[in-house]
N, C-alpha and C. Protein backbone atom coordinates (compact mmCIF):
# COMPACT_ATOMS: atom_id res chain seq x y z
N MET A 1 2.50 -25.23 -21.29
CA MET A 1 2.56 -23.79 -21.17
C MET A 1 2.66 -23.41 -19.69
N GLY A 2 3.66 -22.59 -19.33
CA GLY A 2 3.89 -22.18 -17.95
C GLY A 2 2.92 -21.11 -17.50
N ARG A 3 2.80 -20.98 -16.22
CA ARG A 3 1.91 -19.95 -15.66
C ARG A 3 2.56 -18.59 -15.78
N LYS A 4 1.77 -17.61 -16.11
CA LYS A 4 2.25 -16.24 -16.16
C LYS A 4 1.95 -15.56 -14.83
N GLN A 5 2.89 -14.76 -14.38
CA GLN A 5 2.67 -14.00 -13.16
C GLN A 5 2.10 -12.63 -13.51
N ALA A 6 1.49 -12.01 -12.52
CA ALA A 6 0.92 -10.67 -12.70
C ALA A 6 1.67 -9.69 -11.81
N TYR A 7 1.91 -8.50 -12.34
CA TYR A 7 2.66 -7.47 -11.62
C TYR A 7 1.93 -6.14 -11.68
N ALA A 8 2.15 -5.31 -10.67
CA ALA A 8 1.63 -3.95 -10.68
C ALA A 8 2.56 -3.08 -9.85
N VAL A 9 2.74 -1.86 -10.30
CA VAL A 9 3.48 -0.85 -9.54
C VAL A 9 2.55 0.35 -9.42
N ILE A 10 2.36 0.80 -8.18
CA ILE A 10 1.47 1.93 -7.92
C ILE A 10 2.26 3.00 -7.16
N TYR A 11 2.19 4.22 -7.68
CA TYR A 11 2.84 5.36 -7.03
C TYR A 11 1.77 6.21 -6.36
N LEU A 12 1.96 6.47 -5.07
CA LEU A 12 1.01 7.29 -4.32
C LEU A 12 1.71 8.56 -3.85
N ASP A 13 1.12 9.70 -4.15
CA ASP A 13 1.66 10.99 -3.77
C ASP A 13 0.81 11.54 -2.63
N PHE A 14 1.42 11.83 -1.50
CA PHE A 14 0.69 12.31 -0.33
C PHE A 14 0.87 13.81 -0.15
N PRO A 15 -0.06 14.45 0.58
CA PRO A 15 0.01 15.91 0.72
C PRO A 15 1.25 16.40 1.47
N THR A 16 1.76 15.57 2.39
CA THR A 16 2.96 15.96 3.14
C THR A 16 3.87 14.75 3.31
N GLU A 17 5.11 15.04 3.65
CA GLU A 17 6.06 13.97 3.92
C GLU A 17 5.64 13.18 5.17
N ASN A 18 5.05 13.87 6.14
CA ASN A 18 4.61 13.20 7.37
C ASN A 18 3.52 12.16 7.07
N TYR A 19 2.58 12.48 6.20
CA TYR A 19 1.55 11.50 5.80
C TYR A 19 2.24 10.26 5.23
N ALA A 20 3.18 10.49 4.33
CA ALA A 20 3.88 9.36 3.69
C ALA A 20 4.62 8.51 4.73
N LYS A 21 5.27 9.16 5.69
CA LYS A 21 6.00 8.43 6.74
C LYS A 21 5.06 7.57 7.57
N VAL A 22 3.96 8.18 8.03
CA VAL A 22 3.02 7.46 8.90
C VAL A 22 2.40 6.27 8.15
N ILE A 23 1.98 6.49 6.93
CA ILE A 23 1.36 5.42 6.15
C ILE A 23 2.37 4.35 5.80
N PHE A 24 3.59 4.74 5.49
CA PHE A 24 4.66 3.78 5.21
C PHE A 24 4.86 2.85 6.42
N GLU A 25 4.95 3.44 7.60
CA GLU A 25 5.17 2.64 8.81
C GLU A 25 3.98 1.73 9.10
N ALA A 26 2.77 2.20 8.82
CA ALA A 26 1.58 1.37 9.05
C ALA A 26 1.49 0.23 8.05
N LEU A 27 1.93 0.45 6.82
CA LEU A 27 1.86 -0.59 5.79
C LEU A 27 3.00 -1.60 5.87
N LYS A 28 4.13 -1.19 6.45
CA LYS A 28 5.30 -2.08 6.49
C LYS A 28 4.99 -3.49 7.01
N PRO A 29 4.29 -3.64 8.14
CA PRO A 29 4.00 -5.00 8.62
C PRO A 29 3.17 -5.82 7.62
N GLU A 30 2.32 -5.14 6.84
CA GLU A 30 1.50 -5.83 5.85
C GLU A 30 2.35 -6.44 4.74
N THR A 31 3.54 -5.90 4.53
CA THR A 31 4.41 -6.41 3.47
C THR A 31 5.34 -7.51 3.96
N LYS A 32 5.47 -7.65 5.26
CA LYS A 32 6.38 -8.66 5.83
C LYS A 32 5.80 -10.07 5.72
N THR A 33 4.51 -10.18 5.95
CA THR A 33 3.85 -11.48 5.86
C THR A 33 2.65 -11.35 4.94
N SER A 34 2.39 -12.37 4.20
CA SER A 34 1.26 -12.35 3.29
C SER A 34 0.25 -13.39 3.74
N PRO A 35 -1.04 -13.03 3.71
CA PRO A 35 -2.04 -14.01 4.11
C PRO A 35 -2.11 -15.19 3.14
N THR A 36 -1.58 -15.02 1.96
CA THR A 36 -1.56 -16.09 0.97
C THR A 36 -0.22 -16.10 0.24
N PRO A 37 0.28 -17.26 -0.11
CA PRO A 37 1.54 -17.31 -0.86
C PRO A 37 1.35 -16.90 -2.33
N ARG A 38 0.12 -16.60 -2.71
CA ARG A 38 -0.16 -16.24 -4.11
C ARG A 38 0.24 -14.82 -4.47
N ALA A 39 0.49 -13.96 -3.47
CA ALA A 39 0.83 -12.57 -3.77
C ALA A 39 1.84 -12.02 -2.76
N LYS A 40 2.70 -11.15 -3.23
CA LYS A 40 3.69 -10.46 -2.39
C LYS A 40 3.58 -8.97 -2.66
N VAL A 41 3.87 -8.18 -1.62
CA VAL A 41 3.83 -6.73 -1.76
C VAL A 41 5.13 -6.15 -1.27
N GLY A 42 5.71 -5.27 -2.07
CA GLY A 42 6.91 -4.53 -1.67
C GLY A 42 6.52 -3.08 -1.49
N LEU A 43 7.31 -2.35 -0.71
CA LEU A 43 6.97 -0.98 -0.37
C LEU A 43 8.24 -0.17 -0.19
N ARG A 44 8.25 1.03 -0.74
CA ARG A 44 9.36 1.95 -0.46
C ARG A 44 8.81 3.37 -0.43
N ARG A 45 9.52 4.22 0.32
CA ARG A 45 9.10 5.62 0.45
C ARG A 45 10.13 6.50 -0.21
N GLU A 46 9.64 7.49 -0.94
CA GLU A 46 10.48 8.50 -1.57
C GLU A 46 9.91 9.86 -1.18
N THR A 47 10.46 10.46 -0.14
CA THR A 47 10.00 11.72 0.43
C THR A 47 8.50 11.66 0.75
N ARG A 48 7.64 12.30 -0.04
CA ARG A 48 6.20 12.26 0.26
C ARG A 48 5.45 11.31 -0.67
N ASN A 49 6.17 10.38 -1.25
CA ASN A 49 5.57 9.39 -2.14
C ASN A 49 5.83 7.98 -1.63
N LEU A 50 4.88 7.09 -1.91
CA LEU A 50 5.08 5.66 -1.64
C LEU A 50 5.01 4.94 -2.97
N VAL A 51 5.85 3.92 -3.08
CA VAL A 51 5.82 3.06 -4.26
C VAL A 51 5.44 1.67 -3.77
N LEU A 52 4.33 1.15 -4.30
CA LEU A 52 3.84 -0.18 -3.95
C LEU A 52 4.14 -1.12 -5.11
N LEU A 53 4.80 -2.22 -4.82
CA LEU A 53 5.18 -3.19 -5.85
C LEU A 53 4.46 -4.51 -5.56
N PHE A 54 3.63 -4.93 -6.48
CA PHE A 54 2.84 -6.14 -6.31
C PHE A 54 3.31 -7.21 -7.29
N LYS A 55 3.39 -8.44 -6.79
CA LYS A 55 3.73 -9.59 -7.63
C LYS A 55 2.80 -10.72 -7.20
N ALA A 56 2.11 -11.32 -8.16
CA ALA A 56 1.15 -12.36 -7.81
C ALA A 56 1.21 -13.50 -8.83
N ARG A 57 0.71 -14.64 -8.40
CA ARG A 57 0.69 -15.81 -9.28
C ARG A 57 -0.33 -15.68 -10.40
N ASP A 58 -1.37 -14.89 -10.16
CA ASP A 58 -2.43 -14.73 -11.16
C ASP A 58 -3.11 -13.38 -10.97
N VAL A 59 -3.92 -13.00 -11.94
CA VAL A 59 -4.58 -11.70 -11.91
C VAL A 59 -5.55 -11.58 -10.74
N ALA A 60 -6.24 -12.63 -10.40
CA ALA A 60 -7.19 -12.57 -9.28
C ALA A 60 -6.47 -12.27 -7.97
N ALA A 61 -5.34 -12.91 -7.75
CA ALA A 61 -4.56 -12.66 -6.54
C ALA A 61 -3.99 -11.25 -6.55
N LEU A 62 -3.57 -10.77 -7.71
CA LEU A 62 -3.06 -9.40 -7.83
C LEU A 62 -4.15 -8.40 -7.48
N ARG A 63 -5.33 -8.58 -8.05
CA ARG A 63 -6.45 -7.68 -7.79
C ARG A 63 -6.79 -7.65 -6.31
N ALA A 64 -6.86 -8.81 -5.68
CA ALA A 64 -7.20 -8.88 -4.26
C ALA A 64 -6.15 -8.17 -3.41
N SER A 65 -4.89 -8.38 -3.75
CA SER A 65 -3.79 -7.76 -3.01
C SER A 65 -3.81 -6.24 -3.16
N VAL A 66 -3.97 -5.77 -4.39
CA VAL A 66 -4.02 -4.33 -4.64
C VAL A 66 -5.21 -3.71 -3.91
N ASN A 67 -6.37 -4.32 -4.02
CA ASN A 67 -7.56 -3.79 -3.35
C ASN A 67 -7.37 -3.71 -1.84
N SER A 68 -6.81 -4.74 -1.26
CA SER A 68 -6.60 -4.79 0.18
C SER A 68 -5.69 -3.66 0.65
N ILE A 69 -4.56 -3.49 0.00
CA ILE A 69 -3.59 -2.46 0.40
C ILE A 69 -4.17 -1.06 0.16
N LEU A 70 -4.84 -0.85 -0.96
CA LEU A 70 -5.40 0.47 -1.24
C LEU A 70 -6.55 0.82 -0.29
N ARG A 71 -7.36 -0.16 0.08
CA ARG A 71 -8.42 0.09 1.07
C ARG A 71 -7.82 0.48 2.41
N PHE A 72 -6.77 -0.25 2.81
CA PHE A 72 -6.10 0.05 4.08
C PHE A 72 -5.48 1.45 4.02
N THR A 73 -4.85 1.78 2.92
CA THR A 73 -4.24 3.10 2.75
C THR A 73 -5.30 4.19 2.82
N ASN A 74 -6.43 3.98 2.18
CA ASN A 74 -7.52 4.95 2.23
C ASN A 74 -8.02 5.15 3.66
N SER A 75 -8.17 4.07 4.39
CA SER A 75 -8.60 4.17 5.80
C SER A 75 -7.59 4.98 6.62
N LEU A 76 -6.31 4.73 6.39
CA LEU A 76 -5.26 5.47 7.10
C LEU A 76 -5.32 6.96 6.77
N MET A 77 -5.55 7.28 5.50
CA MET A 77 -5.66 8.69 5.09
C MET A 77 -6.85 9.36 5.80
N GLN A 78 -7.96 8.67 5.87
CA GLN A 78 -9.14 9.23 6.54
C GLN A 78 -8.85 9.49 8.02
N ILE A 79 -8.15 8.57 8.66
CA ILE A 79 -7.79 8.74 10.07
C ILE A 79 -6.86 9.94 10.23
N LEU A 80 -5.84 10.04 9.39
CA LEU A 80 -4.92 11.17 9.48
C LEU A 80 -5.64 12.50 9.25
N ASP A 81 -6.57 12.52 8.31
CA ASP A 81 -7.34 13.74 8.06
C ASP A 81 -8.19 14.11 9.29
N MET A 82 -8.79 13.11 9.93
CA MET A 82 -9.61 13.39 11.12
C MET A 82 -8.74 13.91 12.26
N VAL A 83 -7.58 13.33 12.44
CA VAL A 83 -6.66 13.79 13.50
C VAL A 83 -6.21 15.22 13.21
N LYS A 84 -5.87 15.47 11.96
CA LYS A 84 -5.45 16.82 11.56
C LYS A 84 -6.56 17.84 11.83
N GLU A 85 -7.79 17.47 11.47
CA GLU A 85 -8.94 18.36 11.68
C GLU A 85 -9.21 18.57 13.17
N ALA A 86 -9.08 17.52 13.96
CA ALA A 86 -9.35 17.62 15.41
C ALA A 86 -8.32 18.51 16.11
N HIS A 87 -7.11 18.54 15.57
CA HIS A 87 -6.05 19.35 16.16
C HIS A 87 -5.95 20.73 15.51
N GLY A 88 -6.82 20.98 14.54
CA GLY A 88 -6.86 22.29 13.91
C GLY A 88 -5.61 22.66 13.13
N ARG A 89 -5.00 21.65 12.51
CA ARG A 89 -3.77 21.92 11.73
C ARG A 89 -4.01 21.75 10.27
């Protein structure tokens, strides 16, 4: 019996197109190299949305990859919110 791969597609909708652009650019390097050959991440931007495409050898690797990218994305959102608040926009 062959190994089954695990996949996930996550759509993220951001409050503005600028948020999506900044986060897209910050995540791009994370998709170029993977810390493990067990998982790959694809990324594309559609106006103010990001589409994250995950492919992994197993569910554990998929979960770790999804968690890592979503945690990083959440941190970026918090930073953008703080910058926005500091500049009064």
